[in-house]
Every structure is written in C-alpha cells, then in structure tokens.
N, C-alpha and C. Protein backbone atom coordinates (compact mmCIF):
# COMPACT_ATOMS: atom_id res chain seq x y z
N MET A 1 6.63 7.68 -3.85
CA MET A 1 7.03 7.98 -2.49
C MET A 1 6.21 9.17 -1.99
N PRO A 2 5.57 9.03 -0.84
CA PRO A 2 4.79 10.14 -0.31
C PRO A 2 5.69 11.27 0.18
N SER A 3 5.17 12.47 0.17
CA SER A 3 5.96 13.60 0.64
C SER A 3 6.02 13.59 2.16
N LEU A 4 7.06 14.21 2.68
CA LEU A 4 7.25 14.25 4.13
C LEU A 4 6.30 15.24 4.77
N PRO A 5 5.74 14.88 5.91
CA PRO A 5 4.84 15.81 6.61
C PRO A 5 5.64 16.78 7.48
N LEU A 6 5.01 17.87 7.87
CA LEU A 6 5.62 18.77 8.84
C LEU A 6 5.38 18.20 10.23
N VAL A 7 6.45 17.95 10.95
CA VAL A 7 6.32 17.39 12.30
C VAL A 7 7.22 18.17 13.25
N SER A 8 6.91 18.05 14.53
CA SER A 8 7.77 18.65 15.56
C SER A 8 8.85 17.65 15.95
N GLY A 9 9.81 18.12 16.70
CA GLY A 9 10.87 17.23 17.17
C GLY A 9 10.32 16.14 18.06
N ALA A 10 9.36 16.48 18.92
CA ALA A 10 8.76 15.49 19.83
C ALA A 10 8.01 14.42 19.06
N GLU A 11 7.31 14.81 18.00
CA GLU A 11 6.59 13.83 17.18
C GLU A 11 7.56 12.90 16.45
N ALA A 12 8.67 13.46 15.97
CA ALA A 12 9.68 12.64 15.30
C ALA A 12 10.30 11.64 16.26
N VAL A 13 10.59 12.08 17.48
CA VAL A 13 11.16 11.18 18.50
C VAL A 13 10.18 10.06 18.81
N ARG A 14 8.90 10.40 18.96
CA ARG A 14 7.88 9.39 19.26
C ARG A 14 7.79 8.36 18.14
N ALA A 15 7.80 8.82 16.90
CA ALA A 15 7.72 7.90 15.76
C ALA A 15 8.95 7.01 15.68
N LEU A 16 10.13 7.58 15.90
CA LEU A 16 11.36 6.78 15.85
C LEU A 16 11.42 5.78 17.00
N LYS A 17 10.89 6.16 18.16
CA LYS A 17 10.83 5.21 19.28
C LYS A 17 9.96 4.01 18.92
N SER A 18 8.86 4.26 18.23
CA SER A 18 7.99 3.15 17.85
C SER A 18 8.64 2.26 16.78
N LEU A 19 9.67 2.78 16.10
CA LEU A 19 10.42 2.00 15.12
C LEU A 19 11.62 1.29 15.75
N GLY A 20 11.77 1.40 17.07
CA GLY A 20 12.83 0.68 17.76
C GLY A 20 14.03 1.50 18.17
N PHE A 21 14.02 2.79 17.90
CA PHE A 21 15.13 3.65 18.31
C PHE A 21 14.99 4.02 19.78
N VAL A 22 16.11 4.28 20.44
CA VAL A 22 16.09 4.73 21.83
C VAL A 22 16.90 6.03 21.92
N VAL A 23 16.56 6.85 22.90
CA VAL A 23 17.29 8.10 23.11
C VAL A 23 18.61 7.75 23.78
N ALA A 24 19.71 8.05 23.11
CA ALA A 24 21.03 7.78 23.66
C ALA A 24 21.48 8.92 24.57
N ARG A 25 21.26 10.15 24.10
CA ARG A 25 21.62 11.32 24.91
C ARG A 25 20.99 12.56 24.31
N GLN A 26 21.06 13.65 25.07
CA GLN A 26 20.54 14.93 24.60
C GLN A 26 21.46 16.03 25.08
N ARG A 27 21.74 16.94 24.19
CA ARG A 27 22.52 18.11 24.57
C ARG A 27 21.83 19.33 23.96
N GLY A 28 21.29 20.16 24.79
CA GLY A 28 20.53 21.30 24.32
C GLY A 28 19.28 20.84 23.63
N SER A 29 19.09 21.29 22.39
CA SER A 29 17.87 20.93 21.67
C SER A 29 18.09 19.80 20.68
N HIS A 30 19.21 19.09 20.77
CA HIS A 30 19.49 17.99 19.85
C HIS A 30 19.47 16.66 20.59
N ILE A 31 18.63 15.75 20.11
CA ILE A 31 18.45 14.44 20.72
C ILE A 31 19.11 13.40 19.82
N VAL A 32 20.05 12.64 20.38
CA VAL A 32 20.73 11.59 19.63
C VAL A 32 20.00 10.28 19.90
N MET A 33 19.55 9.65 18.81
CA MET A 33 18.81 8.39 18.93
C MET A 33 19.60 7.28 18.25
N ARG A 34 19.53 6.06 18.82
CA ARG A 34 20.27 4.94 18.28
C ARG A 34 19.39 3.70 18.19
N LYS A 35 19.73 2.86 17.21
CA LYS A 35 19.12 1.54 17.06
C LYS A 35 20.22 0.66 16.50
N GLY A 36 20.87 -0.09 17.36
CA GLY A 36 22.02 -0.88 16.94
C GLY A 36 23.13 0.03 16.47
N SER A 37 23.60 -0.17 15.24
CA SER A 37 24.67 0.67 14.70
C SER A 37 24.11 1.91 13.99
N GLN A 38 22.80 1.96 13.77
CA GLN A 38 22.17 3.10 13.13
C GLN A 38 21.94 4.20 14.17
N GLY A 39 22.04 5.43 13.75
CA GLY A 39 21.78 6.54 14.66
C GLY A 39 21.37 7.78 13.90
N CYS A 40 20.79 8.72 14.61
CA CYS A 40 20.41 9.98 14.00
C CYS A 40 20.29 11.05 15.08
N VAL A 41 20.32 12.29 14.64
CA VAL A 41 20.19 13.43 15.54
C VAL A 41 18.90 14.15 15.20
N VAL A 42 18.02 14.27 16.20
CA VAL A 42 16.72 14.92 16.00
C VAL A 42 16.74 16.28 16.68
N PRO A 43 16.52 17.36 15.93
CA PRO A 43 16.41 18.67 16.56
C PRO A 43 15.06 18.78 17.26
N ASN A 44 15.06 19.13 18.51
CA ASN A 44 13.83 19.22 19.29
C ASN A 44 13.23 20.62 19.12
N HIS A 45 12.69 20.87 17.92
CA HIS A 45 12.10 22.15 17.58
C HIS A 45 10.60 22.00 17.38
N LYS A 46 9.89 23.15 17.33
CA LYS A 46 8.44 23.11 17.10
C LYS A 46 8.12 22.51 15.75
N GLU A 47 8.95 22.80 14.76
CA GLU A 47 8.71 22.31 13.40
C GLU A 47 10.06 21.99 12.76
N ILE A 48 10.21 20.74 12.28
CA ILE A 48 11.43 20.33 11.60
C ILE A 48 11.24 20.59 10.11
N LYS A 49 12.18 21.27 9.49
CA LYS A 49 12.09 21.56 8.06
C LYS A 49 12.14 20.25 7.27
N ILE A 50 11.54 20.26 6.10
CA ILE A 50 11.41 19.06 5.27
C ILE A 50 12.78 18.48 4.91
N GLY A 51 13.71 19.33 4.51
CA GLY A 51 15.04 18.86 4.14
C GLY A 51 15.77 18.25 5.32
N THR A 52 15.62 18.85 6.48
CA THR A 52 16.24 18.33 7.69
C THR A 52 15.66 16.97 8.05
N LEU A 53 14.35 16.84 7.95
CA LEU A 53 13.69 15.58 8.25
C LEU A 53 14.12 14.50 7.26
N GLY A 54 14.22 14.85 6.00
CA GLY A 54 14.67 13.90 4.99
C GLY A 54 16.08 13.40 5.27
N GLY A 55 16.96 14.31 5.64
CA GLY A 55 18.33 13.94 5.98
C GLY A 55 18.39 13.08 7.23
N LEU A 56 17.56 13.42 8.20
CA LEU A 56 17.48 12.66 9.45
C LEU A 56 17.06 11.21 9.18
N LEU A 57 16.04 11.04 8.33
CA LEU A 57 15.55 9.69 8.01
C LEU A 57 16.59 8.90 7.21
N LYS A 58 17.31 9.59 6.32
CA LYS A 58 18.37 8.93 5.55
C LYS A 58 19.49 8.48 6.49
N GLN A 59 19.84 9.33 7.44
CA GLN A 59 20.87 9.03 8.43
C GLN A 59 20.45 7.83 9.28
N ALA A 60 19.17 7.75 9.60
CA ALA A 60 18.67 6.67 10.44
C ALA A 60 18.41 5.39 9.66
N GLY A 61 18.35 5.50 8.33
CA GLY A 61 18.06 4.32 7.52
C GLY A 61 16.60 3.92 7.55
N VAL A 62 15.73 4.91 7.70
CA VAL A 62 14.28 4.68 7.79
C VAL A 62 13.63 5.22 6.52
N SER A 63 12.73 4.44 5.93
CA SER A 63 12.03 4.91 4.74
C SER A 63 10.92 5.89 5.13
N VAL A 64 10.54 6.72 4.16
CA VAL A 64 9.48 7.71 4.40
C VAL A 64 8.18 7.01 4.74
N GLU A 65 7.88 5.91 4.04
CA GLU A 65 6.64 5.18 4.28
C GLU A 65 6.59 4.63 5.70
N ASP A 66 7.72 4.05 6.16
CA ASP A 66 7.76 3.51 7.53
C ASP A 66 7.59 4.62 8.56
N PHE A 67 8.22 5.76 8.30
CA PHE A 67 8.13 6.89 9.24
C PHE A 67 6.70 7.40 9.33
N ILE A 68 6.03 7.56 8.18
CA ILE A 68 4.65 8.05 8.18
C ILE A 68 3.73 7.05 8.87
N ALA A 69 3.96 5.75 8.64
CA ALA A 69 3.15 4.73 9.31
C ALA A 69 3.35 4.80 10.82
N ALA A 70 4.59 5.03 11.27
CA ALA A 70 4.86 5.12 12.70
C ALA A 70 4.25 6.38 13.29
N LEU A 71 4.19 7.46 12.52
CA LEU A 71 3.57 8.70 12.99
C LEU A 71 2.08 8.50 13.22
N ASN A 72 1.43 7.76 12.33
CA ASN A 72 0.00 7.57 12.40
C ASN A 72 -0.41 6.44 13.33
N ALA A 73 0.55 5.70 13.85
CA ALA A 73 0.24 4.57 14.74
C ALA A 73 -0.05 5.03 16.14
C-alpha cells in the first residue's frame, strides 16, 4: 500500500469529486461530501495531516490507491 501524500483540503475535495462524491454541505472549514450512503467530512485546510486523511478515506470507503489515482488524474 502506498503512503498517503500531503494534500490540501481543496485537493482532497477535487479528488473525491472525481471519484463520484458530491458536496452535500459546508459549515465553516468542514465540507461534508456524500456518495450514496457513503459520506465523509473534509477539513478545508492548507494541509491535511496524514492520520486525518487516512481516517477520512476510511470513512468514505475509498482505498489509498484509488485516491492517489484520482489526485493524479
């Protein structure tokens, strides 16, 4: 499994959108994204910590490989 890259909140949102997620709502710096029954909360910060990103992807049900592929697309 490849290690998670350092990404910003905007980059994470863009990658998740390309994986089929849509922005459901935003309150402050937290963006709630949904895809069917799956959902996740993305902090809209300059840099998302690795542990936070890992938890976010687990919550969304997205593999690290799929996320990295969506980032590079």
